[in-house]
Amino acid sequence: FDLGFSTESEAFEAMAAFVATGVWKPGVEAVIPSQPARSQVQPGQTASFAKPLLATTLGVMAARAIATRRKKVKCNAKMSRRDLLAAAPAAVAPVMPVAPAQAAQALQVPNFGVGAWAWGDRLFWGYNEKQDQELREGFDACIKGGVKLFDTAEIYGPGRSEELLGTFLRESGAKDVQVATKFAAFPWKLDRQDVVKACKGSLERLGMDSIDIYQIHFPSVWKNEVFWDGLGDCYEQGLVKAVGVSNYGSSAVRAISKTLGERGIPLTSNQIQYSLLYRYPELNGMKETCDELGVKILAYSPLALGALTGKWTPSTPPSGPRAAISDKLQKDAAWPGLLDAMKDVATQHGAETTLSQVAIAWCIAKGTTPIRA
């Protein structure tokens, strides 16, 4: 169906941006369905980063699939996407955590990582090939600074991010670096072999024999258990060293942890949006669940797309879709107070301490691994 994109690549990039930020582009307004009472986003409100987002949204294409699901599931017309997922076969009731003795030892994840979403993304970040040398210099600076984890995904670029990361790793000869990438659980993927096939595609683009952490990028509207089986297949075939998920809620984390645990496979991580500006995982029980099960939280957007750097002002807003986010923040009465508190903390740790360091340190202190884009 027509969403106003000229190429499939643009459509994939738009969905990747929407999954990560809630900002939809170009000419289709993304509207958030009904949320739990504790969410600050109201039904029908256009997504924005300044308010807690629907972190597990699949974008407009998946929303169309949800509409189809409404016709197949007997439900109230006002049921939310969360309710629909609960009605789907893949949404398993909460279960007790798997005993450690039943699973292999989980991979030890570094306490900080760098995200490669912008590497190749033309729609949200305005990438072009002329930036490759600059990206390489940034990569080299990360390695020199001791970064041991890079996170990417098959839909970043799409595929270009994985290609660039693989090239940089080979050319630099960097050692002891972990690579995490993600499988896109789009509604048209229906078989566990789709996960294995996608994993092999990522390996080819990365130029690697094994991926350190292979994640499901977001929950599907159906067939989730099939994807969990496929994730386990990748692990058992030696294609990946560890498995994780992204944008998963508490019940889904418990369910996949149980499913994988029955095969002796630990669920290593759940990558979710988490920062000083977005603390919803503390309210909805997500962080508590991950801590209980020993699932490492990979906190994406720890700087809130740049907002927590303190560099956004009414006179110096960011470019692109982030400009609208900045505008809403500047109008929020609580925003100056957060920045002032961060500045106080920075001052206590020396004149050279930045707000970015404060925001990153906060995520680490919470026991998460921040993924800095």
Foldseek 3Di string as FASTA:
>chain_A
DDPPDPDPLLVLLQQVCCLAFLDGDDDDFDFAAPDPPPFPDHHRDTTFLLGAGLNQDRPDQLVVVVVVLPVVDPDDPRDHLVVLLCVAPLQDFFDDFFDLVLADDADDDDQAAAEQLLQLRCAFNNDDPVCLVVVLVVVVVCVVVPHQEYEEECSRNNLRSLLSQLVSCVVVVRPNHAYEYEDEPEPVDAALVSLVVVLVVSCVSSVHQAHAEYEHEHAHSHNRVRVLVSQLVCCVVRRYNAYEYESDALSSVSSSQVVSSNVNHGHAAYETADWPSHHVCVVRVNLVSCVSNVHAYAHECLCSVVVQQVPDDPVDHDDGPRNVNSVVLNVDPCNVVVNVVLVVVQVVVPPPRTSVNSSSVVQSVSVHHYHHD
